[in-house]
PDB file of N, CA and C in Angstrom:
ATOM      1  N   MET A   1      16.135 -38.781  -6.770  1.00  0.00           N
ATOM      2  CA  MET A   1      14.973 -37.945  -6.554  1.00  0.00           C
ATOM      3  C   MET A   1      14.598 -38.012  -5.074  1.00  0.00           C
ATOM      4  N   ASN A   2      14.403 -36.831  -4.464  1.00  0.00           N
ATOM      5  CA  ASN A   2      14.004 -36.755  -3.072  1.00  0.00           C
ATOM      6  C   ASN A   2      12.515 -36.505  -2.974  1.00  0.00           C
ATOM      7  N   ALA A   3      11.846 -37.298  -2.170  1.00  0.00           N
ATOM      8  CA  ALA A   3      10.426 -37.073  -1.950  1.00  0.00           C
ATOM      9  C   ALA A   3      10.264 -35.894  -1.002  1.00  0.00           C
ATOM     10  N   PRO A   4       9.253 -35.078  -1.223  1.00  0.00           N
ATOM     11  CA  PRO A   4       9.035 -33.967  -0.296  1.00  0.00           C
ATOM     12  C   PRO A   4       8.573 -34.508   1.050  1.00  0.00           C
ATOM     13  N   PRO A   5       8.769 -33.740   2.112  1.00  0.00           N
ATOM     14  CA  PRO A   5       8.295 -34.198   3.415  1.00  0.00           C
ATOM     15  C   PRO A   5       6.775 -34.237   3.439  1.00  0.00           C
ATOM     16  N   ASP A   6       6.224 -35.000   4.366  1.00  0.00           N
ATOM     17  CA  ASP A   6       4.770 -35.062   4.504  1.00  0.00           C
ATOM     18  C   ASP A   6       4.196 -33.705   4.910  1.00  0.00           C
ATOM     19  N   ALA A   7       4.981 -32.942   5.667  1.00  0.00           N
ATOM     20  CA  ALA A   7       4.500 -31.653   6.149  1.00  0.00           C
ATOM     21  C   ALA A   7       5.667 -30.685   6.282  1.00  0.00           C
ATOM     22  N   LEU A   8       5.326 -29.421   6.323  1.00  0.00           N
ATOM     23  CA  LEU A   8       6.302 -28.372   6.574  1.00  0.00           C
ATOM     24  C   LEU A   8       5.747 -27.521   7.706  1.00  0.00           C
ATOM     25  N   ILE A   9       6.492 -27.452   8.801  1.00  0.00           N
ATOM     26  CA  ILE A   9       6.081 -26.650   9.940  1.00  0.00           C
ATOM     27  C   ILE A   9       6.747 -25.291   9.787  1.00  0.00           C
ATOM     28  N   ARG A  10       5.940 -24.238   9.748  1.00  0.00           N
ATOM     29  CA  ARG A  10       6.458 -22.883   9.591  1.00  0.00           C
ATOM     30  C   ARG A  10       6.210 -22.106  10.867  1.00  0.00           C
ATOM     31  N   MET A  11       7.257 -21.447  11.321  1.00  0.00           N
ATOM     32  CA  MET A  11       7.162 -20.607  12.510  1.00  0.00           C
ATOM     33  C   MET A  11       7.639 -19.216  12.157  1.00  0.00           C
ATOM     34  N   ARG A  12       6.853 -18.220  12.514  1.00  0.00           N
ATOM     35  CA  ARG A  12       7.242 -16.830  12.276  1.00  0.00           C
ATOM     36  C   ARG A  12       7.544 -16.184  13.625  1.00  0.00           C
ATOM     37  N   PHE A  13       8.679 -15.489  13.675  1.00  0.00           N
ATOM     38  CA  PHE A  13       9.131 -14.864  14.906  1.00  0.00           C
ATOM     39  C   PHE A  13       9.074 -13.352  14.792  1.00  0.00           C
ATOM     40  N   ALA A  14       9.025 -12.689  15.939  1.00  0.00           N
ATOM     41  CA  ALA A  14       8.906 -11.228  15.961  1.00  0.00           C
ATOM     42  C   ALA A  14      10.237 -10.537  15.716  1.00  0.00           C
ATOM     43  N   HIS A  15      11.335 -11.199  16.085  1.00  0.00           N
ATOM     44  CA  HIS A  15      12.640 -10.556  16.027  1.00  0.00           C
ATOM     45  C   HIS A  15      13.688 -11.508  15.451  1.00  0.00           C
ATOM     46  N   ALA A  16      14.656 -10.935  14.740  1.00  0.00           N
ATOM     47  CA  ALA A  16      15.723 -11.735  14.123  1.00  0.00           C
ATOM     48  C   ALA A  16      16.504 -12.567  15.139  1.00  0.00           C
ATOM     49  N   PRO A  17      16.837 -12.054  16.337  1.00  0.00           N
ATOM     50  CA  PRO A  17      17.559 -12.895  17.292  1.00  0.00           C
ATOM     51  C   PRO A  17      16.759 -14.146  17.705  1.00  0.00           C
ATOM     52  N   ASP A  18      15.430 -14.014  17.783  1.00  0.00           N
ATOM     53  CA  ASP A  18      14.604 -15.185  18.104  1.00  0.00           C
ATOM     54  C   ASP A  18      14.651 -16.207  16.975  1.00  0.00           C
ATOM     55  N   LEU A  19      14.624 -15.728  15.739  1.00  0.00           N
ATOM     56  CA  LEU A  19      14.743 -16.632  14.588  1.00  0.00           C
ATOM     57  C   LEU A  19      16.080 -17.358  14.620  1.00  0.00           C
ATOM     58  N   ASP A  20      17.158 -16.636  14.919  1.00  0.00           N
ATOM     59  CA  ASP A  20      18.484 -17.252  14.994  1.00  0.00           C
ATOM     60  C   ASP A  20      18.532 -18.313  16.082  1.00  0.00           C
ATOM     61  N   ARG A  21      17.950 -18.018  17.241  1.00  0.00           N
ATOM     62  CA  ARG A  21      17.925 -18.994  18.342  1.00  0.00           C
ATOM     63  C   ARG A  21      17.107 -20.223  17.961  1.00  0.00           C
ATOM     64  N   ALA A  22      15.990 -19.988  17.271  1.00  0.00           N
ATOM     65  CA  ALA A  22      15.147 -21.110  16.850  1.00  0.00           C
ATOM     66  C   ALA A  22      15.872 -21.982  15.832  1.00  0.00           C
ATOM     67  N   GLU A  23      16.572 -21.357  14.907  1.00  0.00           N
ATOM     68  CA  GLU A  23      17.319 -22.134  13.911  1.00  0.00           C
ATOM     69  C   GLU A  23      18.377 -22.995  14.590  1.00  0.00           C
ATOM     70  N   ALA A  24      19.035 -22.447  15.591  1.00  0.00           N
ATOM     71  CA  ALA A  24      20.030 -23.228  16.341  1.00  0.00           C
ATOM     72  C   ALA A  24      19.359 -24.357  17.117  1.00  0.00           C
ATOM     73  N   ALA A  25      18.206 -24.092  17.703  1.00  0.00           N
ATOM     74  CA  ALA A  25      17.498 -25.103  18.489  1.00  0.00           C
ATOM     75  C   ALA A  25      17.013 -26.260  17.625  1.00  0.00           C
ATOM     76  N   PHE A  26      16.667 -25.966  16.374  1.00  0.00           N
ATOM     77  CA  PHE A  26      16.173 -26.998  15.464  1.00  0.00           C
ATOM     78  C   PHE A  26      17.286 -27.541  14.571  1.00  0.00           C
ATOM     79  N   GLY A  27      18.513 -27.514  15.059  1.00  0.00           N
ATOM     80  CA  GLY A  27      19.634 -28.088  14.320  1.00  0.00           C
ATOM     81  C   GLY A  27      19.464 -29.585  14.175  1.00  0.00           C
ATOM     82  N   ALA A  28      20.434 -30.214  13.580  1.00  0.00           N
ATOM     83  CA  ALA A  28      20.387 -31.666  13.330  1.00  0.00           C
ATOM     84  C   ALA A  28      20.067 -32.418  14.614  1.00  0.00           C
ATOM     85  N   GLY A  29      19.170 -33.367  14.506  1.00  0.00           N
ATOM     86  CA  GLY A  29      18.834 -34.214  15.638  1.00  0.00           C
ATOM     87  C   GLY A  29      17.929 -33.543  16.649  1.00  0.00           C
ATOM     88  N   SER A  30      17.135 -32.565  16.222  1.00  0.00           N
ATOM     89  CA  SER A  30      16.303 -31.841  17.183  1.00  0.00           C
ATOM     90  C   SER A  30      15.089 -32.637  17.632  1.00  0.00           C
ATOM     91  N   GLY A  31      14.748 -33.662  16.915  1.00  0.00           N
ATOM     92  CA  GLY A  31      13.612 -34.468  17.347  1.00  0.00           C
ATOM     93  C   GLY A  31      13.238 -35.505  16.314  1.00  0.00           C
ATOM     94  N   PRO A  32      12.546 -36.552  16.749  1.00  0.00           N
ATOM     95  CA  PRO A  32      12.132 -37.584  15.809  1.00  0.00           C
ATOM     96  C   PRO A  32      11.115 -37.034  14.821  1.00  0.00           C
ATOM     97  N   GLY A  33      11.263 -37.430  13.579  1.00  0.00           N
ATOM     98  CA  GLY A  33      10.332 -37.014  12.545  1.00  0.00           C
ATOM     99  C   GLY A  33      10.609 -35.641  11.967  1.00  0.00           C
ATOM    100  N   LEU A  34      11.679 -34.971  12.423  1.00  0.00           N
ATOM    101  CA  LEU A  34      11.987 -33.623  11.949  1.00  0.00           C
ATOM    102  C   LEU A  34      13.208 -33.637  11.048  1.00  0.00           C
ATOM    103  N   GLY A  35      13.141 -32.869   9.980  1.00  0.00           N
ATOM    104  CA  GLY A  35      14.269 -32.716   9.076  1.00  0.00           C
ATOM    105  C   GLY A  35      15.069 -31.478   9.423  1.00  0.00           C
ATOM    106  N   ALA A  36      16.041 -31.167   8.598  1.00  0.00           N
ATOM    107  CA  ALA A  36      16.894 -29.999   8.821  1.00  0.00           C
ATOM    108  C   ALA A  36      16.102 -28.719   8.588  1.00  0.00           C
ATOM    109  N   ALA A  37      16.194 -27.812   9.534  1.00  0.00           N
ATOM    110  CA  ALA A  37      15.469 -26.543   9.462  1.00  0.00           C
ATOM    111  C   ALA A  37      16.166 -25.581   8.515  1.00  0.00           C
ATOM    112  N   SER A  38      15.365 -24.695   7.917  1.00  0.00           N
ATOM    113  CA  SER A  38      15.912 -23.614   7.111  1.00  0.00           C
ATOM    114  C   SER A  38      15.148 -22.342   7.466  1.00  0.00           C
ATOM    115  N   SER A  39      15.833 -21.222   7.354  1.00  0.00           N
ATOM    116  CA  SER A  39      15.185 -19.973   7.749  1.00  0.00           C
ATOM    117  C   SER A  39      15.098 -19.012   6.573  1.00  0.00           C
ATOM    118  N   ASP A  40      14.184 -18.078   6.694  1.00  0.00           N
ATOM    119  CA  ASP A  40      14.022 -16.984   5.737  1.00  0.00           C
ATOM    120  C   ASP A  40      14.078 -15.700   6.553  1.00  0.00           C
ATOM    121  N   PRO A  41      15.275 -15.085   6.635  1.00  0.00           N
ATOM    122  CA  PRO A  41      15.418 -13.874   7.451  1.00  0.00           C
ATOM    123  C   PRO A  41      14.518 -12.727   7.008  1.00  0.00           C
ATOM    124  N   GLY A  42      14.192 -12.667   5.731  1.00  0.00           N
ATOM    125  CA  GLY A  42      13.344 -11.594   5.232  1.00  0.00           C
ATOM    126  C   GLY A  42      11.942 -11.616   5.816  1.00  0.00           C
ATOM    127  N   THR A  43      11.434 -12.811   6.083  1.00  0.00           N
ATOM    128  CA  THR A  43      10.090 -12.945   6.642  1.00  0.00           C
ATOM    129  C   THR A  43      10.115 -13.414   8.095  1.00  0.00           C
ATOM    130  N   LEU A  44      11.317 -13.574   8.643  1.00  0.00           N
ATOM    131  CA  LEU A  44      11.500 -14.044  10.028  1.00  0.00           C
ATOM    132  C   LEU A  44      10.814 -15.385  10.262  1.00  0.00           C
ATOM    133  N   THR A  45      10.886 -16.271   9.253  1.00  0.00           N
ATOM    134  CA  THR A  45      10.257 -17.581   9.384  1.00  0.00           C
ATOM    135  C   THR A  45      11.288 -18.694   9.395  1.00  0.00           C
ATOM    136  N   LEU A  46      10.939 -19.736  10.119  1.00  0.00           N
ATOM    137  CA  LEU A  46      11.730 -20.957  10.168  1.00  0.00           C
ATOM    138  C   LEU A  46      10.874 -22.066   9.598  1.00  0.00           C
ATOM    139  N   HIS A  47      11.452 -22.875   8.707  1.00  0.00           N
ATOM    140  CA  HIS A  47      10.741 -23.984   8.065  1.00  0.00           C
ATOM    141  C   HIS A  47      11.379 -25.288   8.533  1.00  0.00           C
ATOM    142  N   VAL A  48      10.560 -26.172   9.077  1.00  0.00           N
ATOM    143  CA  VAL A  48      11.050 -27.462   9.553  1.00  0.00           C
ATOM    144  C   VAL A  48      10.261 -28.561   8.853  1.00  0.00           C
ATOM    145  N   PRO A  49      10.907 -29.330   7.970  1.00  0.00           N
ATOM    146  CA  PRO A  49      10.205 -30.438   7.327  1.00  0.00           C
ATOM    147  C   PRO A  49      10.018 -31.593   8.304  1.00  0.00           C
ATOM    148  N   GLY A  50       8.935 -32.301   8.140  1.00  0.00           N
ATOM    149  CA  GLY A  50       8.680 -33.444   9.012  1.00  0.00           C
ATOM    150  C   GLY A  50       7.487 -34.224   8.523  1.00  0.00           C
ATOM    151  N   ASP A  51       7.011 -35.095   9.377  1.00  0.00           N
ATOM    152  CA  ASP A  51       5.786 -35.806   9.024  1.00  0.00           C
ATOM    153  C   ASP A  51       4.611 -35.031   9.613  1.00  0.00           C
ATOM    154  N   ALA A  52       3.414 -35.429   9.268  1.00  0.00           N
ATOM    155  CA  ALA A  52       2.236 -34.659   9.650  1.00  0.00           C
ATOM    156  C   ALA A  52       1.574 -35.177  10.916  1.00  0.00           C
ATOM    157  N   GLY A  53       2.299 -35.937  11.722  1.00  0.00           N
ATOM    158  CA  GLY A  53       1.708 -36.538  12.907  1.00  0.00           C
ATOM    159  C   GLY A  53       1.737 -35.655  14.142  1.00  0.00           C
ATOM    160  N   ALA A  54       0.902 -36.009  15.084  1.00  0.00           N
ATOM    161  CA  ALA A  54       0.821 -35.274  16.351  1.00  0.00           C
ATOM    162  C   ALA A  54       2.130 -35.359  17.130  1.00  0.00           C
ATOM    163  N   ASP A  55       2.816 -36.506  17.043  1.00  0.00           N
ATOM    164  CA  ASP A  55       4.090 -36.644  17.757  1.00  0.00           C
ATOM    165  C   ASP A  55       5.126 -35.645  17.239  1.00  0.00           C
ATOM    166  N   THR A  56       5.106 -35.378  15.950  1.00  0.00           N
ATOM    167  CA  THR A  56       6.030 -34.397  15.382  1.00  0.00           C
ATOM    168  C   THR A  56       5.715 -33.006  15.920  1.00  0.00           C
ATOM    169  N   LEU A  57       4.450 -32.653  15.957  1.00  0.00           N
ATOM    170  CA  LEU A  57       4.065 -31.349  16.488  1.00  0.00           C
ATOM    171  C   LEU A  57       4.436 -31.235  17.971  1.00  0.00           C
ATOM    172  N   ARG A  58       4.240 -32.312  18.719  1.00  0.00           N
ATOM    173  CA  ARG A  58       4.675 -32.305  20.127  1.00  0.00           C
ATOM    174  C   ARG A  58       6.185 -32.084  20.223  1.00  0.00           C
ATOM    175  N   GLY A  59       6.935 -32.704  19.316  1.00  0.00           N
ATOM    176  CA  GLY A  59       8.383 -32.529  19.301  1.00  0.00           C
ATOM    177  C   GLY A  59       8.782 -31.094  19.013  1.00  0.00           C
ATOM    178  N   VAL A  60       8.089 -30.462  18.062  1.00  0.00           N
ATOM    179  CA  VAL A  60       8.360 -29.054  17.741  1.00  0.00           C
ATOM    180  C   VAL A  60       8.095 -28.189  18.963  1.00  0.00           C
ATOM    181  N   LEU A  61       6.963 -28.412  19.614  1.00  0.00           N
ATOM    182  CA  LEU A  61       6.625 -27.627  20.797  1.00  0.00           C
ATOM    183  C   LEU A  61       7.619 -27.858  21.934  1.00  0.00           C
ATOM    184  N   ALA A  62       8.126 -29.077  22.062  1.00  0.00           N
ATOM    185  CA  ALA A  62       9.120 -29.373  23.100  1.00  0.00           C
ATOM    186  C   ALA A  62      10.426 -28.632  22.831  1.00  0.00           C
ATOM    187  N   VAL A  63      10.848 -28.583  21.569  1.00  0.00           N
ATOM    188  CA  VAL A  63      12.072 -27.847  21.224  1.00  0.00           C
ATOM    189  C   VAL A  63      11.889 -26.360  21.519  1.00  0.00           C
ATOM    190  N   LEU A  64      10.740 -25.816  21.135  1.00  0.00           N
ATOM    191  CA  LEU A  64      10.463 -24.405  21.418  1.00  0.00           C
ATOM    192  C   LEU A  64      10.448 -24.132  22.919  1.00  0.00           C
ATOM    193  N   ASP A  65       9.828 -25.025  23.677  1.00  0.00           N
ATOM    194  CA  ASP A  65       9.753 -24.865  25.132  1.00  0.00           C
ATOM    195  C   ASP A  65      11.145 -24.919  25.759  1.00  0.00           C
ATOM    196  N   ALA A  66      11.960 -25.881  25.333  1.00  0.00           N
ATOM    197  CA  ALA A  66      13.315 -26.020  25.887  1.00  0.00           C
ATOM    198  C   ALA A  66      14.173 -24.801  25.582  1.00  0.00           C
ATOM    199  N   ALA A  67      13.922 -24.158  24.442  1.00  0.00           N
ATOM    200  CA  ALA A  67      14.686 -22.973  24.052  1.00  0.00           C
ATOM    201  C   ALA A  67      14.039 -21.679  24.551  1.00  0.00           C
ATOM    202  N   ALA A  68      12.926 -21.797  25.268  1.00  0.00           N
ATOM    203  CA  ALA A  68      12.181 -20.649  25.791  1.00  0.00           C
ATOM    204  C   ALA A  68      11.814 -19.674  24.667  1.00  0.00           C
ATOM    205  N   LEU A  69      11.298 -20.237  23.568  1.00  0.00           N
ATOM    206  CA  LEU A  69      10.901 -19.447  22.401  1.00  0.00           C
ATOM    207  C   LEU A  69       9.403 -19.578  22.153  1.00  0.00           C
ATOM    208  N   THR A  70       8.790 -18.477  21.761  1.00  0.00           N
ATOM    209  CA  THR A  70       7.386 -18.482  21.389  1.00  0.00           C
ATOM    210  C   THR A  70       7.251 -17.768  20.053  1.00  0.00           C
ATOM    211  N   PRO A  71       6.932 -18.520  19.002  1.00  0.00           N
ATOM    212  CA  PRO A  71       6.749 -17.869  17.710  1.00  0.00           C
ATOM    213  C   PRO A  71       5.453 -17.062  17.694  1.00  0.00           C
ATOM    214  N   GLU A  72       5.412 -16.045  16.840  1.00  0.00           N
ATOM    215  CA  GLU A  72       4.169 -15.284  16.665  1.00  0.00           C
ATOM    216  C   GLU A  72       3.106 -16.134  15.987  1.00  0.00           C
ATOM    217  N   ALA A  73       3.550 -17.024  15.103  1.00  0.00           N
ATOM    218  CA  ALA A  73       2.622 -17.914  14.398  1.00  0.00           C
ATOM    219  C   ALA A  73       3.315 -19.245  14.156  1.00  0.00           C
ATOM    220  N   LEU A  74       2.536 -20.321  14.212  1.00  0.00           N
ATOM    221  CA  LEU A  74       3.028 -21.657  13.906  1.00  0.00           C
ATOM    222  C   LEU A  74       1.958 -22.319  13.048  1.00  0.00           C
ATOM    223  N   THR A  75       2.349 -22.745  11.856  1.00  0.00           N
ATOM    224  CA  THR A  75       1.408 -23.402  10.959  1.00  0.00           C
ATOM    225  C   THR A  75       2.015 -24.691  10.431  1.00  0.00           C
ATOM    226  N   VAL A  76       1.146 -25.638  10.120  1.00  0.00           N
ATOM    227  CA  VAL A  76       1.572 -26.910   9.534  1.00  0.00           C
ATOM    228  C   VAL A  76       0.959 -26.991   8.147  1.00  0.00           C
ATOM    229  N   HIS A  77       1.822 -27.142   7.149  1.00  0.00           N
ATOM    230  CA  HIS A  77       1.376 -27.242   5.767  1.00  0.00           C
ATOM    231  C   HIS A  77       1.635 -28.667   5.289  1.00  0.00           C
ATOM    232  N   THR A  78       0.598 -29.338   4.847  1.00  0.00           N
ATOM    233  CA  THR A  78       0.770 -30.698   4.332  1.00  0.00           C
ATOM    234  C   THR A  78       1.054 -30.649   2.843  1.00  0.00           C
ATOM    235  N   ARG A  79       1.609 -31.728   2.369  1.00  0.00           N
ATOM    236  CA  ARG A  79       2.027 -31.837   0.976  1.00  0.00           C
ATOM    237  C   ARG A  79       0.831 -31.695   0.036  1.00  0.00           C
ATOM    238  N   GLU A  80       1.068 -30.936  -1.042  1.00  0.00           N
ATOM    239  CA  GLU A  80       0.056 -30.749  -2.075  1.00  0.00           C
ATOM    240  C   GLU A  80       0.629 -31.221  -3.403  1.00  0.00           C
ATOM    241  N   LEU A  81      -0.189 -31.245  -4.411  1.00  0.00           N
ATOM    242  CA  LEU A  81       0.237 -31.703  -5.724  1.00  0.00           C
ATOM    243  C   LEU A  81       1.422 -30.892  -6.239  1.00  0.00           C
ATOM    244  N   ASP A  82       1.436 -29.590  -6.002  1.00  0.00           N
ATOM    245  CA  ASP A  82       2.560 -28.756  -6.440  1.00  0.00           C
ATOM    246  C   ASP A  82       3.868 -29.206  -5.806  1.00  0.00           C
ATOM    247  N   ASP A  83       3.804 -29.635  -4.548  1.00  0.00           N
ATOM    248  CA  ASP A  83       5.004 -30.094  -3.847  1.00  0.00           C
ATOM    249  C   ASP A  83       5.543 -31.377  -4.481  1.00  0.00           C
ATOM    250  N   VAL A  84       4.636 -32.278  -4.831  1.00  0.00           N
ATOM    251  CA  VAL A  84       5.046 -33.526  -5.466  1.00  0.00           C
ATOM    252  C   VAL A  84       5.677 -33.233  -6.821  1.00  0.00           C
ATOM    253  N   LEU A  85       5.064 -32.350  -7.602  1.00  0.00           N
ATOM    254  CA  LEU A  85       5.618 -31.981  -8.902  1.00  0.00           C
ATOM    255  C   LEU A  85       7.002 -31.349  -8.747  1.00  0.00           C
ATOM    256  N   ALA A  86       7.153 -30.474  -7.770  1.00  0.00           N
ATOM    257  CA  ALA A  86       8.448 -29.836  -7.547  1.00  0.00           C
ATOM    258  C   ALA A  86       9.505 -30.871  -7.178  1.00  0.00           C
ATOM    259  N   ALA A  87       9.148 -31.859  -6.401  1.00  0.00           N
ATOM    260  CA  ALA A  87      10.109 -32.898  -6.021  1.00  0.00           C
ATOM    261  C   ALA A  87      10.537 -33.706  -7.244  1.00  0.00           C
ATOM    262  N   PHE A  88       9.586 -34.031  -8.113  1.00  0.00           N
ATOM    263  CA  PHE A  88       9.913 -34.802  -9.301  1.00  0.00           C
ATOM    264  C   PHE A  88      10.731 -34.013 -10.304  1.00  0.00           C
ATOM    265  N   THR A  89      10.547 -32.705 -10.341  1.00  0.00           N
ATOM    266  CA  THR A  89      11.275 -31.874 -11.292  1.00  0.00           C
ATOM    267  C   THR A  89      12.560 -31.293 -10.706  1.00  0.00           C
ATOM    268  N   GLY A  90      12.813 -31.573  -9.440  1.00  0.00           N
ATOM    269  CA  GLY A  90      14.033 -31.080  -8.794  1.00  0.00           C
ATOM    270  C   GLY A  90      13.938 -29.656  -8.288  1.00  0.00           C
ATOM    271  N   LEU A  91      12.762 -29.106  -8.199  1.00  0.00           N
ATOM    272  CA  LEU A  91      12.589 -27.740  -7.744  1.00  0.00           C
ATOM    273  C   LEU A  91      12.378 -27.642  -6.238  1.00  0.00           C
ATOM    274  N   PHE A  92      12.250 -28.760  -5.561  1.00  0.00           N
ATOM    275  CA  PHE A  92      11.995 -28.740  -4.117  1.00  0.00           C
ATOM    276  C   PHE A  92      13.289 -28.618  -3.376  1.00  0.00           C
TER     277      PHE A  92
END
């Protein structure tokens, strides 16, 4: 059983090429406290699991800065009861 991450950082981009560049920038080893990124091309969003700390957010911003990317929106979603249930049932 995998525990869900403490937080999920979601970034929405204006264009598909920016999403592709962001997904490449957040590849394995992109920063401490960050998990493997996944994208949703339909909504132009990138999801990066991590912890909910300020250092993680600084790391996300550093990766974006190094890649010269600016998302239209960046949100941090912390774990909720539904996330815990999904992890226990294998739906996460």
